[in-house]
């Protein structure tokens, strides 16, 4: 059996914290010290670009020490707001149809991660 991966990250309120790192996590190369509750594992973002601009970001996400949010693995989705006319709304809807397939892939990945217990 493979030993679980761990990583030690600096925090402002608990010093260095060693946590298990799931195989799906993209790593923590860009980590800056923050509160322990803010530590999170993420996959790379799946990005919907519309008219060449990033509009929606989604990824697998887990914050093992979260205070107010769930500590379970979930899909995090953020939508960047813009003012649109009717034609642009139709164009956006078409882009969202394509993006829906990518979101389904993330949902499938989430089910596999949870079934394997790779939290």
PDB file of N, CA and C in Angstrom:
ATOM      1  N   UNK A   1       0.838  -1.179   0.000  1.00  0.00           N
ATOM      2  CA  UNK A   1       0.000   0.000   0.000  1.00  0.00           C
ATOM      3  C   UNK A   1       0.883   1.242   0.000  1.00  0.00           C
ATOM      4  N   UNK A   2       0.497   2.236  -0.776  1.00  0.00           N
ATOM      5  CA  UNK A   2       1.239   3.485  -0.869  1.00  0.00           C
ATOM      6  C   UNK A   2       0.931   4.360   0.345  1.00  0.00           C
ATOM      7  N   UNK A   3       1.988   4.936   0.906  1.00  0.00           N
ATOM      8  CA  UNK A   3       1.807   5.849   2.023  1.00  0.00           C
ATOM      9  C   UNK A   3       1.075   7.102   1.541  1.00  0.00           C
ATOM     10  N   UNK A   4       0.197   7.657   2.358  1.00  0.00           N
ATOM     11  CA  UNK A   4      -0.477   8.900   1.967  1.00  0.00           C
ATOM     12  C   UNK A   4       0.541  10.027   1.806  1.00  0.00           C
ATOM     13  N   UNK A   5       0.285  10.899   0.828  1.00  0.00           N
ATOM     14  CA  UNK A   5       1.142  12.070   0.649  1.00  0.00           C
ATOM     15  C   UNK A   5       0.782  13.089   1.708  1.00  0.00           C
ATOM     16  N   UNK A   6       1.792  13.782   2.202  1.00  0.00           N
ATOM     17  CA  UNK A   6       1.540  14.878   3.135  1.00  0.00           C
ATOM     18  C   UNK A   6       2.314  16.097   2.662  1.00  0.00           C
ATOM     19  N   UNK A   7       1.880  17.240   3.144  1.00  0.00           N
ATOM     20  CA  UNK A   7       2.561  18.495   2.852  1.00  0.00           C
ATOM     21  C   UNK A   7       2.475  19.360   4.108  1.00  0.00           C
ATOM     22  N   UNK A   8       3.535  20.118   4.352  1.00  0.00           N
ATOM     23  CA  UNK A   8       3.556  21.037   5.483  1.00  0.00           C
ATOM     24  C   UNK A   8       3.456  22.460   4.949  1.00  0.00           C
ATOM     25  N   UNK A   9       2.444  23.196   5.432  1.00  0.00           N
ATOM     26  CA  UNK A   9       2.190  24.555   4.970  1.00  0.00           C
ATOM     27  C   UNK A   9       2.199  25.507   6.159  1.00  0.00           C
ATOM     28  N   UNK A  10       2.776  26.674   5.960  1.00  0.00           N
ATOM     29  CA  UNK A  10       2.808  27.696   7.005  1.00  0.00           C
ATOM     30  C   UNK A  10       1.438  28.347   7.133  1.00  0.00           C
ATOM     31  N   UNK A  11       1.043  28.623   8.368  1.00  0.00           N
ATOM     32  CA  UNK A  11      -0.185  29.371   8.618  1.00  0.00           C
ATOM     33  C   UNK A  11       0.129  30.507   9.590  1.00  0.00           C
ATOM     34  N   UNK A  12      -0.714  31.526   9.578  1.00  0.00           N
ATOM     35  CA  UNK A  12      -0.491  32.674  10.457  1.00  0.00           C
ATOM     36  C   UNK A  12      -0.986  32.422  11.871  1.00  0.00           C
ATOM     37  N   UNK A  13      -1.895  31.444  12.041  1.00  0.00           N
ATOM     38  CA  UNK A  13      -2.470  31.226  13.373  1.00  0.00           C
ATOM     39  C   UNK A  13      -2.049  29.925  14.046  1.00  0.00           C
ATOM     40  N   UNK A  14      -1.526  28.937  13.284  1.00  0.00           N
ATOM     41  CA  UNK A  14      -1.129  27.652  13.856  1.00  0.00           C
ATOM     42  C   UNK A  14       0.302  27.257  13.472  1.00  0.00           C
ATOM     43  N   UNK A  15       1.071  28.192  12.918  1.00  0.00           N
ATOM     44  CA  UNK A  15       2.433  27.849  12.493  1.00  0.00           C
ATOM     45  C   UNK A  15       2.404  26.863  11.346  1.00  0.00           C
ATOM     46  N   UNK A  16       3.405  25.996  11.272  1.00  0.00           N
ATOM     47  CA  UNK A  16       3.454  24.984  10.218  1.00  0.00           C
ATOM     48  C   UNK A  16       2.431  23.889  10.513  1.00  0.00           C
ATOM     49  N   UNK A  17       1.621  23.554   9.501  1.00  0.00           N
ATOM     50  CA  UNK A  17       0.586  22.531   9.636  1.00  0.00           C
ATOM     51  C   UNK A  17       0.860  21.457   8.588  1.00  0.00           C
ATOM     52  N   UNK A  18       0.957  20.198   9.034  1.00  0.00           N
ATOM     53  CA  UNK A  18       1.148  19.070   8.114  1.00  0.00           C
ATOM     54  C   UNK A  18      -0.208  18.418   7.880  1.00  0.00           C
ATOM     55  N   UNK A  19      -0.582  18.314   6.601  1.00  0.00           N
ATOM     56  CA  UNK A  19      -1.877  17.739   6.240  1.00  0.00           C
ATOM     57  C   UNK A  19      -1.697  16.695   5.156  1.00  0.00           C
ATOM     58  N   UNK A  20      -2.631  15.755   5.078  1.00  0.00           N
ATOM     59  CA  UNK A  20      -2.651  14.785   3.987  1.00  0.00           C
ATOM     60  C   UNK A  20      -2.972  15.515   2.703  1.00  0.00           C
ATOM     61  N   UNK A  21      -2.312  15.112   1.623  1.00  0.00           N
ATOM     62  CA  UNK A  21      -2.566  15.738   0.326  1.00  0.00           C
ATOM     63  C   UNK A  21      -3.131  14.688  -0.622  1.00  0.00           C
ATOM     64  N   UNK A  22      -4.389  14.856  -1.035  1.00  0.00           N
ATOM     65  CA  UNK A  22      -5.001  13.877  -1.937  1.00  0.00           C
ATOM     66  C   UNK A  22      -4.286  13.844  -3.293  1.00  0.00           C
ATOM     67  N   UNK A  23      -4.357  12.708  -3.962  1.00  0.00           N
ATOM     68  CA  UNK A  23      -3.667  12.549  -5.250  1.00  0.00           C
ATOM     69  C   UNK A  23      -4.173  13.515  -6.311  1.00  0.00           C
ATOM     70  N   UNK A  24      -5.408  13.983  -6.182  1.00  0.00           N
ATOM     71  CA  UNK A  24      -5.984  14.881  -7.191  1.00  0.00           C
ATOM     72  C   UNK A  24      -5.571  16.337  -6.987  1.00  0.00           C
ATOM     73  N   UNK A  25      -4.929  16.666  -5.880  1.00  0.00           N
ATOM     74  CA  UNK A  25      -4.543  18.054  -5.602  1.00  0.00           C
ATOM     75  C   UNK A  25      -3.435  18.488  -6.557  1.00  0.00           C
ATOM     76  N   UNK A  26      -3.539  19.712  -7.091  1.00  0.00           N
ATOM     77  CA  UNK A  26      -2.560  20.224  -8.051  1.00  0.00           C
ATOM     78  C   UNK A  26      -1.270  20.677  -7.385  1.00  0.00           C
ATOM     79  N   UNK A  27      -1.239  20.719  -6.063  1.00  0.00           N
ATOM     80  CA  UNK A  27      -0.055  21.151  -5.331  1.00  0.00           C
ATOM     81  C   UNK A  27      -0.256  22.530  -4.724  1.00  0.00           C
ATOM     82  N   UNK A  28       0.769  22.986  -4.011  1.00  0.00           N
ATOM     83  CA  UNK A  28       0.654  24.227  -3.250  1.00  0.00           C
ATOM     84  C   UNK A  28       1.831  25.164  -3.513  1.00  0.00           C
ATOM     85  N   UNK A  29       2.343  25.145  -4.733  1.00  0.00           N
ATOM     86  CA  UNK A  29       3.502  25.965  -5.066  1.00  0.00           C
ATOM     87  C   UNK A  29       3.251  27.451  -4.839  1.00  0.00           C
ATOM     88  N   UNK A  30       2.014  27.895  -4.985  1.00  0.00           N
ATOM     89  CA  UNK A  30       1.689  29.315  -4.842  1.00  0.00           C
ATOM     90  C   UNK A  30       1.170  29.659  -3.442  1.00  0.00           C
ATOM     91  N   UNK A  31       1.379  28.761  -2.481  1.00  0.00           N
ATOM     92  CA  UNK A  31       0.859  28.967  -1.127  1.00  0.00           C
ATOM     93  C   UNK A  31       1.515  30.175  -0.452  1.00  0.00           C
ATOM     94  N   UNK A  32       0.683  31.001   0.141  1.00  0.00           N
ATOM     95  CA  UNK A  32       1.125  32.101   0.997  1.00  0.00           C
ATOM     96  C   UNK A  32       0.560  31.833   2.383  1.00  0.00           C
ATOM     97  N   UNK A  33       1.311  32.144   3.441  1.00  0.00           N
ATOM     98  CA  UNK A  33       0.768  31.898   4.783  1.00  0.00           C
ATOM     99  C   UNK A  33      -0.597  32.559   4.963  1.00  0.00           C
ATOM    100  N   UNK A  34      -1.509  31.827   5.541  1.00  0.00           N
ATOM    101  CA  UNK A  34      -2.867  32.278   5.804  1.00  0.00           C
ATOM    102  C   UNK A  34      -3.360  31.509   7.011  1.00  0.00           C
ATOM    103  N   UNK A  35      -4.587  31.738   7.419  1.00  0.00           N
ATOM    104  CA  UNK A  35      -5.129  30.998   8.545  1.00  0.00           C
ATOM    105  C   UNK A  35      -5.343  29.538   8.183  1.00  0.00           C
ATOM    106  N   UNK A  36      -5.217  28.650   9.175  1.00  0.00           N
ATOM    107  CA  UNK A  36      -5.375  27.217   8.926  1.00  0.00           C
ATOM    108  C   UNK A  36      -6.721  26.914   8.276  1.00  0.00           C
ATOM    109  N   UNK A  37      -7.792  27.615   8.670  1.00  0.00           N
ATOM    110  CA  UNK A  37      -9.124  27.374   8.104  1.00  0.00           C
ATOM    111  C   UNK A  37      -9.167  27.641   6.604  1.00  0.00           C
ATOM    112  N   UNK A  38      -8.223  28.431   6.089  1.00  0.00           N
ATOM    113  CA  UNK A  38      -8.202  28.778   4.667  1.00  0.00           C
ATOM    114  C   UNK A  38      -7.399  27.803   3.811  1.00  0.00           C
ATOM    115  N   UNK A  39      -6.699  26.847   4.425  1.00  0.00           N
ATOM    116  CA  UNK A  39      -5.938  25.872   3.638  1.00  0.00           C
ATOM    117  C   UNK A  39      -6.906  25.067   2.780  1.00  0.00           C
ATOM    118  N   UNK A  40      -6.527  24.845   1.517  1.00  0.00           N
ATOM    119  CA  UNK A  40      -7.427  24.121   0.613  1.00  0.00           C
ATOM    120  C   UNK A  40      -6.631  23.320  -0.402  1.00  0.00           C
ATOM    121  N   UNK A  41      -7.202  22.211  -0.808  1.00  0.00           N
ATOM    122  CA  UNK A  41      -6.700  21.410  -1.916  1.00  0.00           C
ATOM    123  C   UNK A  41      -7.578  21.723  -3.125  1.00  0.00           C
ATOM    124  N   UNK A  42      -6.963  21.872  -4.303  1.00  0.00           N
ATOM    125  CA  UNK A  42      -7.711  22.169  -5.523  1.00  0.00           C
ATOM    126  C   UNK A  42      -7.111  21.406  -6.694  1.00  0.00           C
ATOM    127  N   UNK A  43      -7.949  21.131  -7.692  1.00  0.00           N
ATOM    128  CA  UNK A  43      -7.447  20.690  -8.986  1.00  0.00           C
ATOM    129  C   UNK A  43      -7.198  21.947  -9.813  1.00  0.00           C
ATOM    130  N   UNK A  44      -6.612  21.779 -10.982  1.00  0.00           N
ATOM    131  CA  UNK A  44      -6.517  22.906 -11.901  1.00  0.00           C
ATOM    132  C   UNK A  44      -7.922  23.340 -12.285  1.00  0.00           C
ATOM    133  N   UNK A  45      -8.084  24.625 -12.560  1.00  0.00           N
ATOM    134  CA  UNK A  45      -9.388  25.145 -12.957  1.00  0.00           C
ATOM    135  C   UNK A  45      -9.796  24.652 -14.340  1.00  0.00           C
ATOM    136  N   UNK A  46     -11.077  24.332 -14.474  1.00  0.00           N
ATOM    137  CA  UNK A  46     -11.712  24.166 -15.774  1.00  0.00           C
ATOM    138  C   UNK A  46     -12.302  25.539 -16.072  1.00  0.00           C
ATOM    139  N   UNK A  47     -11.917  26.133 -17.192  1.00  0.00           N
ATOM    140  CA  UNK A  47     -12.276  27.523 -17.466  1.00  0.00           C
ATOM    141  C   UNK A  47     -13.170  27.605 -18.692  1.00  0.00           C
ATOM    142  N   UNK A  48     -14.282  28.320 -18.550  1.00  0.00           N
ATOM    143  CA  UNK A  48     -15.117  28.661 -19.698  1.00  0.00           C
ATOM    144  C   UNK A  48     -14.696  30.044 -20.163  1.00  0.00           C
ATOM    145  N   UNK A  49     -14.187  30.097 -21.382  1.00  0.00           N
ATOM    146  CA  UNK A  49     -13.863  31.395 -21.972  1.00  0.00           C
ATOM    147  C   UNK A  49     -14.970  31.750 -22.943  1.00  0.00           C
ATOM    148  N   UNK A  50     -15.411  32.965 -22.855  1.00  0.00           N
ATOM    149  CA  UNK A  50     -16.437  33.480 -23.748  1.00  0.00           C
ATOM    150  C   UNK A  50     -15.904  34.778 -24.316  1.00  0.00           C
ATOM    151  N   UNK A  51     -15.861  34.822 -25.650  1.00  0.00           N
ATOM    152  CA  UNK A  51     -15.271  35.966 -26.351  1.00  0.00           C
ATOM    153  C   UNK A  51     -13.832  36.195 -25.916  1.00  0.00           C
ATOM    154  N   UNK A  52     -13.130  35.093 -25.659  1.00  0.00           N
ATOM    155  CA  UNK A  52     -11.719  35.162 -25.302  1.00  0.00           C
ATOM    156  C   UNK A  52     -11.431  35.533 -23.863  1.00  0.00           C
ATOM    157  N   UNK A  53     -12.461  35.773 -23.063  1.00  0.00           N
ATOM    158  CA  UNK A  53     -12.269  36.177 -21.670  1.00  0.00           C
ATOM    159  C   UNK A  53     -12.733  35.068 -20.721  1.00  0.00           C
ATOM    160  N   UNK A  54     -11.966  34.806 -19.679  1.00  0.00           N
ATOM    161  CA  UNK A  54     -12.429  33.824 -18.688  1.00  0.00           C
ATOM    162  C   UNK A  54     -13.733  34.295 -18.054  1.00  0.00           C
ATOM    163  N   UNK A  55     -14.712  33.424 -18.022  1.00  0.00           N
ATOM    164  CA  UNK A  55     -16.024  33.781 -17.500  1.00  0.00           C
ATOM    165  C   UNK A  55     -16.398  32.947 -16.281  1.00  0.00           C
ATOM    166  N   UNK A  56     -16.186  31.635 -16.375  1.00  0.00           N
ATOM    167  CA  UNK A  56     -16.536  30.725 -15.288  1.00  0.00           C
ATOM    168  C   UNK A  56     -15.337  29.842 -14.989  1.00  0.00           C
ATOM    169  N   UNK A  57     -15.076  29.653 -13.697  1.00  0.00           N
ATOM    170  CA  UNK A  57     -14.009  28.781 -13.245  1.00  0.00           C
ATOM    171  C   UNK A  57     -14.628  27.687 -12.377  1.00  0.00           C
ATOM    172  N   UNK A  58     -14.139  26.464 -12.504  1.00  0.00           N
ATOM    173  CA  UNK A  58     -14.614  25.380 -11.654  1.00  0.00           C
ATOM    174  C   UNK A  58     -13.454  24.438 -11.367  1.00  0.00           C
ATOM    175  N   UNK A  59     -13.458  23.833 -10.187  1.00  0.00           N
ATOM    176  CA  UNK A  59     -12.417  22.869  -9.820  1.00  0.00           C
ATOM    177  C   UNK A  59     -12.917  22.015  -8.664  1.00  0.00           C
ATOM    178  N   UNK A  60     -12.254  20.873  -8.460  1.00  0.00           N
ATOM    179  CA  UNK A  60     -12.471  20.130  -7.228  1.00  0.00           C
ATOM    180  C   UNK A  60     -11.801  20.934  -6.120  1.00  0.00           C
ATOM    181  N   UNK A  61     -12.401  20.939  -4.944  1.00  0.00           N
ATOM    182  CA  UNK A  61     -11.917  21.787  -3.863  1.00  0.00           C
ATOM    183  C   UNK A  61     -12.212  21.103  -2.528  1.00  0.00           C
ATOM    184  N   UNK A  62     -11.288  21.229  -1.587  1.00  0.00           N
ATOM    185  CA  UNK A  62     -11.524  20.756  -0.227  1.00  0.00           C
ATOM    186  C   UNK A  62     -10.731  21.627   0.738  1.00  0.00           C
ATOM    187  N   UNK A  63     -11.384  22.086   1.774  1.00  0.00           N
ATOM    188  CA  UNK A  63     -10.739  22.859   2.836  1.00  0.00           C
ATOM    189  C   UNK A  63     -10.853  22.031   4.121  1.00  0.00           C
ATOM    190  N   UNK A  64      -9.824  21.237   4.452  1.00  0.00           N
ATOM    191  CA  UNK A  64      -9.933  20.290   5.561  1.00  0.00           C
ATOM    192  C   UNK A  64     -10.129  20.910   6.937  1.00  0.00           C
ATOM    193  N   UNK A  65      -9.831  22.201   7.093  1.00  0.00           N
ATOM    194  CA  UNK A  65     -10.007  22.872   8.388  1.00  0.00           C
ATOM    195  C   UNK A  65     -11.027  24.015   8.313  1.00  0.00           C
ATOM    196  N   UNK A  66     -11.889  23.985   7.330  1.00  0.00           N
ATOM    197  CA  UNK A  66     -12.862  25.070   7.139  1.00  0.00           C
ATOM    198  C   UNK A  66     -13.675  25.308   8.405  1.00  0.00           C
ATOM    199  N   UNK A  67     -13.922  26.591   8.691  1.00  0.00           N
ATOM    200  CA  UNK A  67     -14.738  26.957   9.849  1.00  0.00           C
ATOM    201  C   UNK A  67     -16.217  27.056   9.497  1.00  0.00           C
ATOM    202  N   UNK A  68     -16.519  27.665   8.350  1.00  0.00           N
ATOM    203  CA  UNK A  68     -17.918  27.922   8.008  1.00  0.00           C
ATOM    204  C   UNK A  68     -18.408  27.122   6.809  1.00  0.00           C
ATOM    205  N   UNK A  69     -17.520  26.684   5.944  1.00  0.00           N
ATOM    206  CA  UNK A  69     -17.900  25.907   4.753  1.00  0.00           C
ATOM    207  C   UNK A  69     -17.742  24.419   5.056  1.00  0.00           C
ATOM    208  N   UNK A  70     -18.221  23.600   4.145  1.00  0.00           N
ATOM    209  CA  UNK A  70     -18.083  22.151   4.275  1.00  0.00           C
ATOM    210  C   UNK A  70     -16.621  21.753   4.172  1.00  0.00           C
ATOM    211  N   UNK A  71     -16.241  20.720   4.900  1.00  0.00           N
ATOM    212  CA  UNK A  71     -14.885  20.172   4.801  1.00  0.00           C
ATOM    213  C   UNK A  71     -14.817  19.034   3.785  1.00  0.00           C
ATOM    214  N   UNK A  72     -15.963  18.666   3.212  1.00  0.00           N
ATOM    215  CA  UNK A  72     -16.009  17.596   2.211  1.00  0.00           C
ATOM    216  C   UNK A  72     -15.435  18.072   0.879  1.00  0.00           C
ATOM    217  N   UNK A  73     -14.996  17.125   0.057  1.00  0.00           N
ATOM    218  CA  UNK A  73     -14.577  17.447  -1.307  1.00  0.00           C
ATOM    219  C   UNK A  73     -15.820  17.855  -2.082  1.00  0.00           C
ATOM    220  N   UNK A  74     -15.706  18.932  -2.858  1.00  0.00           N
ATOM    221  CA  UNK A  74     -16.839  19.418  -3.645  1.00  0.00           C
ATOM    222  C   UNK A  74     -16.310  20.095  -4.912  1.00  0.00           C
ATOM    223  N   UNK A  75     -17.209  20.485  -5.793  1.00  0.00           N
ATOM    224  CA  UNK A  75     -16.836  21.254  -6.979  1.00  0.00           C
ATOM    225  C   UNK A  75     -17.160  22.712  -6.686  1.00  0.00           C
ATOM    226  N   UNK A  76     -16.150  23.552  -6.804  1.00  0.00           N
ATOM    227  CA  UNK A  76     -16.310  24.989  -6.594  1.00  0.00           C
ATOM    228  C   UNK A  76     -16.482  25.655  -7.950  1.00  0.00           C
ATOM    229  N   UNK A  77     -17.534  26.458  -8.089  1.00  0.00           N
ATOM    230  CA  UNK A  77     -17.839  27.125  -9.355  1.00  0.00           C
ATOM    231  C   UNK A  77     -17.979  28.620  -9.098  1.00  0.00           C
ATOM    232  N   UNK A  78     -17.273  29.428  -9.885  1.00  0.00           N
ATOM    233  CA  UNK A  78     -17.426  30.881  -9.772  1.00  0.00           C
ATOM    234  C   UNK A  78     -17.774  31.457 -11.131  1.00  0.00           C
ATOM    235  N   UNK A  79     -18.685  32.413 -11.148  1.00  0.00           N
ATOM    236  CA  UNK A  79     -19.153  33.039 -12.383  1.00  0.00           C
ATOM    237  C   UNK A  79     -18.822  34.524 -12.333  1.00  0.00           C
ATOM    238  N   UNK A  80     -18.158  35.012 -13.381  1.00  0.00           N
ATOM    239  CA  UNK A  80     -17.784  36.419 -13.468  1.00  0.00           C
ATOM    240  C   UNK A  80     -18.907  37.161 -14.173  1.00  0.00           C
ATOM    241  N   UNK A  81     -19.467  38.176 -13.525  1.00  0.00           N
ATOM    242  CA  UNK A  81     -20.624  38.885 -14.060  1.00  0.00           C
ATOM    243  C   UNK A  81     -20.268  39.899 -15.142  1.00  0.00           C
ATOM    244  N   UNK A  82     -21.142  40.022 -16.117  1.00  0.00           N
ATOM    245  CA  UNK A  82     -21.028  41.017 -17.180  1.00  0.00           C
ATOM    246  C   UNK A  82     -22.430  41.461 -17.569  1.00  0.00           C
ATOM    247  N   UNK A  83     -22.559  42.680 -18.091  1.00  0.00           N
ATOM    248  CA  UNK A  83     -23.835  43.166 -18.623  1.00  0.00           C
ATOM    249  C   UNK A  83     -23.944  42.727 -20.078  1.00  0.00           C
ATOM    250  N   UNK A  84     -25.043  42.049 -20.457  1.00  0.00           N
ATOM    251  CA  UNK A  84     -25.174  41.457 -21.789  1.00  0.00           C
ATOM    252  C   UNK A  84     -26.469  41.900 -22.459  1.00  0.00           C
ATOM    253  N   UNK A  85     -26.410  42.035 -23.805  1.00  0.00           N
ATOM    254  CA  UNK A  85     -27.643  42.247 -24.562  1.00  0.00           C
ATOM    255  C   UNK A  85     -28.196  40.877 -24.967  1.00  0.00           C
ATOM    256  N   UNK A  86     -29.352  40.859 -25.643  1.00  0.00           N
ATOM    257  CA  UNK A  86     -30.020  39.592 -25.960  1.00  0.00           C
ATOM    258  C   UNK A  86     -29.130  38.671 -26.801  1.00  0.00           C
ATOM    259  N   UNK A  87     -28.486  39.210 -27.846  1.00  0.00           N
ATOM    260  CA  UNK A  87     -27.618  38.386 -28.693  1.00  0.00           C
ATOM    261  C   UNK A  87     -26.485  37.781 -27.866  1.00  0.00           C
ATOM    262  N   UNK A  88     -25.902  38.577 -26.993  1.00  0.00           N
ATOM    263  CA  UNK A  88     -24.802  38.089 -26.161  1.00  0.00           C
ATOM    264  C   UNK A  88     -25.278  37.013 -25.187  1.00  0.00           C
ATOM    265  N   UNK A  89     -26.504  37.142 -24.703  1.00  0.00           N
ATOM    266  CA  UNK A  89     -27.046  36.113 -23.816  1.00  0.00           C
ATOM    267  C   UNK A  89     -27.178  34.791 -24.563  1.00  0.00           C
ATOM    268  N   UNK A  90     -27.649  34.828 -25.810  1.00  0.00           N
ATOM    269  CA  UNK A  90     -27.732  33.604 -26.614  1.00  0.00           C
ATOM    270  C   UNK A  90     -26.346  33.004 -26.839  1.00  0.00           C
ATOM    271  N   UNK A  91     -25.367  33.839 -27.126  1.00  0.00           N
ATOM    272  CA  UNK A  91     -23.998  33.351 -27.308  1.00  0.00           C
ATOM    273  C   UNK A  91     -23.469  32.718 -26.021  1.00  0.00           C
ATOM    274  N   UNK A  92     -23.742  33.366 -24.902  1.00  0.00           N
ATOM    275  CA  UNK A  92     -23.319  32.823 -23.614  1.00  0.00           C
ATOM    276  C   UNK A  92     -23.994  31.485 -23.346  1.00  0.00           C
ATOM    277  N   UNK A  93     -25.274  31.393 -23.633  1.00  0.00           N
ATOM    278  CA  UNK A  93     -25.998  30.139 -23.423  1.00  0.00           C
ATOM    279  C   UNK A  93     -25.372  29.003 -24.229  1.00  0.00           C
ATOM    280  N   UNK A  94     -24.954  29.275 -25.446  1.00  0.00           N
ATOM    281  CA  UNK A  94     -24.304  28.248 -26.276  1.00  0.00           C
ATOM    282  C   UNK A  94     -22.970  27.823 -25.640  1.00  0.00           C
ATOM    283  N   UNK A  95     -22.222  28.790 -25.137  1.00  0.00           N
ATOM    284  CA  UNK A  95     -20.955  28.467 -24.478  1.00  0.00           C
ATOM    285  C   UNK A  95     -21.193  27.647 -23.211  1.00  0.00           C
ATOM    286  N   UNK A  96     -22.254  27.977 -22.491  1.00  0.00           N
ATOM    287  CA  UNK A  96     -22.577  27.235 -21.270  1.00  0.00           C
ATOM    288  C   UNK A  96     -22.982  25.796 -21.574  1.00  0.00           C
ATOM    289  N   UNK A  97     -23.656  25.575 -22.719  1.00  0.00           N
ATOM    290  CA  UNK A  97     -23.982  24.202 -23.122  1.00  0.00           C
ATOM    291  C   UNK A  97     -22.712  23.366 -23.246  1.00  0.00           C
ATOM    292  N   UNK A  98     -21.692  23.926 -23.875  1.00  0.00           N
ATOM    293  CA  UNK A  98     -20.411  23.222 -24.024  1.00  0.00           C
ATOM    294  C   UNK A  98     -19.750  23.024 -22.666  1.00  0.00           C
ATOM    295  N   UNK A  99     -19.780  24.053 -21.851  1.00  0.00           N
ATOM    296  CA  UNK A  99     -19.154  24.010 -20.532  1.00  0.00           C
ATOM    297  C   UNK A  99     -19.818  22.973 -19.634  1.00  0.00           C
ATOM    298  N   UNK A 100     -21.100  22.740 -19.833  1.00  0.00           N
ATOM    299  CA  UNK A 100     -21.822  21.768 -19.012  1.00  0.00           C
ATOM    300  C   UNK A 100     -21.172  20.390 -19.100  1.00  0.00           C
ATOM    301  N   UNK A 101     -20.678  20.012 -20.269  1.00  0.00           N
ATOM    302  CA  UNK A 101     -19.992  18.725 -20.408  1.00  0.00           C
ATOM    303  C   UNK A 101     -18.748  18.674 -19.533  1.00  0.00           C
ATOM    304  N   UNK A 102     -18.002  19.773 -19.467  1.00  0.00           N
ATOM    305  CA  UNK A 102     -16.808  19.813 -18.624  1.00  0.00           C
ATOM    306  C   UNK A 102     -17.189  19.726 -17.147  1.00  0.00           C
ATOM    307  N   UNK A 103     -18.281  20.357 -16.767  1.00  0.00           N
ATOM    308  CA  UNK A 103     -18.739  20.271 -15.386  1.00  0.00           C
ATOM    309  C   UNK A 103     -19.165  18.847 -15.040  1.00  0.00           C
ATOM    310  N   UNK A 104     -19.810  18.161 -15.975  1.00  0.00           N
ATOM    311  CA  UNK A 104     -20.191  16.762 -15.735  1.00  0.00           C
ATOM    312  C   UNK A 104     -18.953  15.904 -15.515  1.00  0.00           C
ATOM    313  N   UNK A 105     -17.885  16.182 -16.257  1.00  0.00           N
ATOM    314  CA  UNK A 105     -16.631  15.451 -16.067  1.00  0.00           C
ATOM    315  C   UNK A 105     -16.083  15.682 -14.659  1.00  0.00           C
ATOM    316  N   UNK A 106     -16.138  16.926 -14.183  1.00  0.00           N
ATOM    317  CA  UNK A 106     -15.712  17.202 -12.804  1.00  0.00           C
ATOM    318  C   UNK A 106     -16.588  16.468 -11.797  1.00  0.00           C
ATOM    319  N   UNK A 107     -17.883  16.427 -12.032  1.00  0.00           N
ATOM    320  CA  UNK A 107     -18.787  15.707 -11.133  1.00  0.00           C
ATOM    321  C   UNK A 107     -18.444  14.224 -11.105  1.00  0.00           C
ATOM    322  N   UNK A 108     -18.157  13.647 -12.275  1.00  0.00           N
ATOM    323  CA  UNK A 108     -17.751  12.240 -12.337  1.00  0.00           C
ATOM    324  C   UNK A 108     -16.462  12.021 -11.556  1.00  0.00           C
ATOM    325  N   UNK A 109     -15.494  12.947 -11.701  1.00  0.00           N
ATOM    326  CA  UNK A 109     -14.236  12.844 -10.979  1.00  0.00           C
ATOM    327  C   UNK A 109     -14.485  12.924  -9.470  1.00  0.00           C
ATOM    328  N   UNK A 110     -15.379  13.804  -9.053  1.00  0.00           N
ATOM    329  CA  UNK A 110     -15.715  13.926  -7.639  1.00  0.00           C
ATOM    330  C   UNK A 110     -16.278  12.617  -7.097  1.00  0.00           C
ATOM    331  N   UNK A 111     -17.170  11.972  -7.843  1.00  0.00           N
ATOM    332  CA  UNK A 111     -17.736  10.693  -7.397  1.00  0.00           C
ATOM    333  C   UNK A 111     -16.653   9.635  -7.231  1.00  0.00           C
ATOM    334  N   UNK A 112     -15.694   9.599  -8.151  1.00  0.00           N
ATOM    335  CA  UNK A 112     -14.596   8.628  -8.065  1.00  0.00           C
ATOM    336  C   UNK A 112     -13.732   8.918  -6.843  1.00  0.00           C
ATOM    337  N   UNK A 113     -13.389  10.200  -6.639  1.00  0.00           N
ATOM    338  CA  UNK A 113     -12.557  10.585  -5.487  1.00  0.00           C
ATOM    339  C   UNK A 113     -13.236  10.178  -4.186  1.00  0.00           C
ATOM    340  N   UNK A 114     -14.512  10.469  -4.062  1.00  0.00           N
ATOM    341  CA  UNK A 114     -15.230  10.120  -2.826  1.00  0.00           C
ATOM    342  C   UNK A 114     -15.357   8.618  -2.660  1.00  0.00           C
ATOM    343  N   UNK A 115     -15.588   7.888  -3.755  1.00  0.00           N
ATOM    344  CA  UNK A 115     -15.719   6.426  -3.670  1.00  0.00           C
ATOM    345  C   UNK A 115     -14.406   5.774  -3.262  1.00  0.00           C
ATOM    346  N   UNK A 116     -13.288   6.341  -3.732  1.00  0.00           N
ATOM    347  CA  UNK A 116     -11.976   5.787  -3.409  1.00  0.00           C
ATOM    348  C   UNK A 116     -11.492   6.250  -2.036  1.00  0.00           C
ATOM    349  N   UNK A 117     -12.185   7.223  -1.450  1.00  0.00           N
ATOM    350  CA  UNK A 117     -11.766   7.744  -0.162  1.00  0.00           C
ATOM    351  C   UNK A 117     -10.504   8.581  -0.233  1.00  0.00           C
ATOM    352  N   UNK A 118     -10.172   9.123  -1.414  1.00  0.00           N
ATOM    353  CA  UNK A 118      -8.965   9.933  -1.598  1.00  0.00           C
ATOM    354  C   UNK A 118      -9.285  11.379  -1.208  1.00  0.00           C
ATOM    355  N   UNK A 119      -9.504  11.570   0.080  1.00  0.00           N
ATOM    356  CA  UNK A 119      -9.877  12.874   0.600  1.00  0.00           C
ATOM    357  C   UNK A 119      -8.654  13.506   1.140  1.00  0.00           C
TER     358      UNK A 119
END
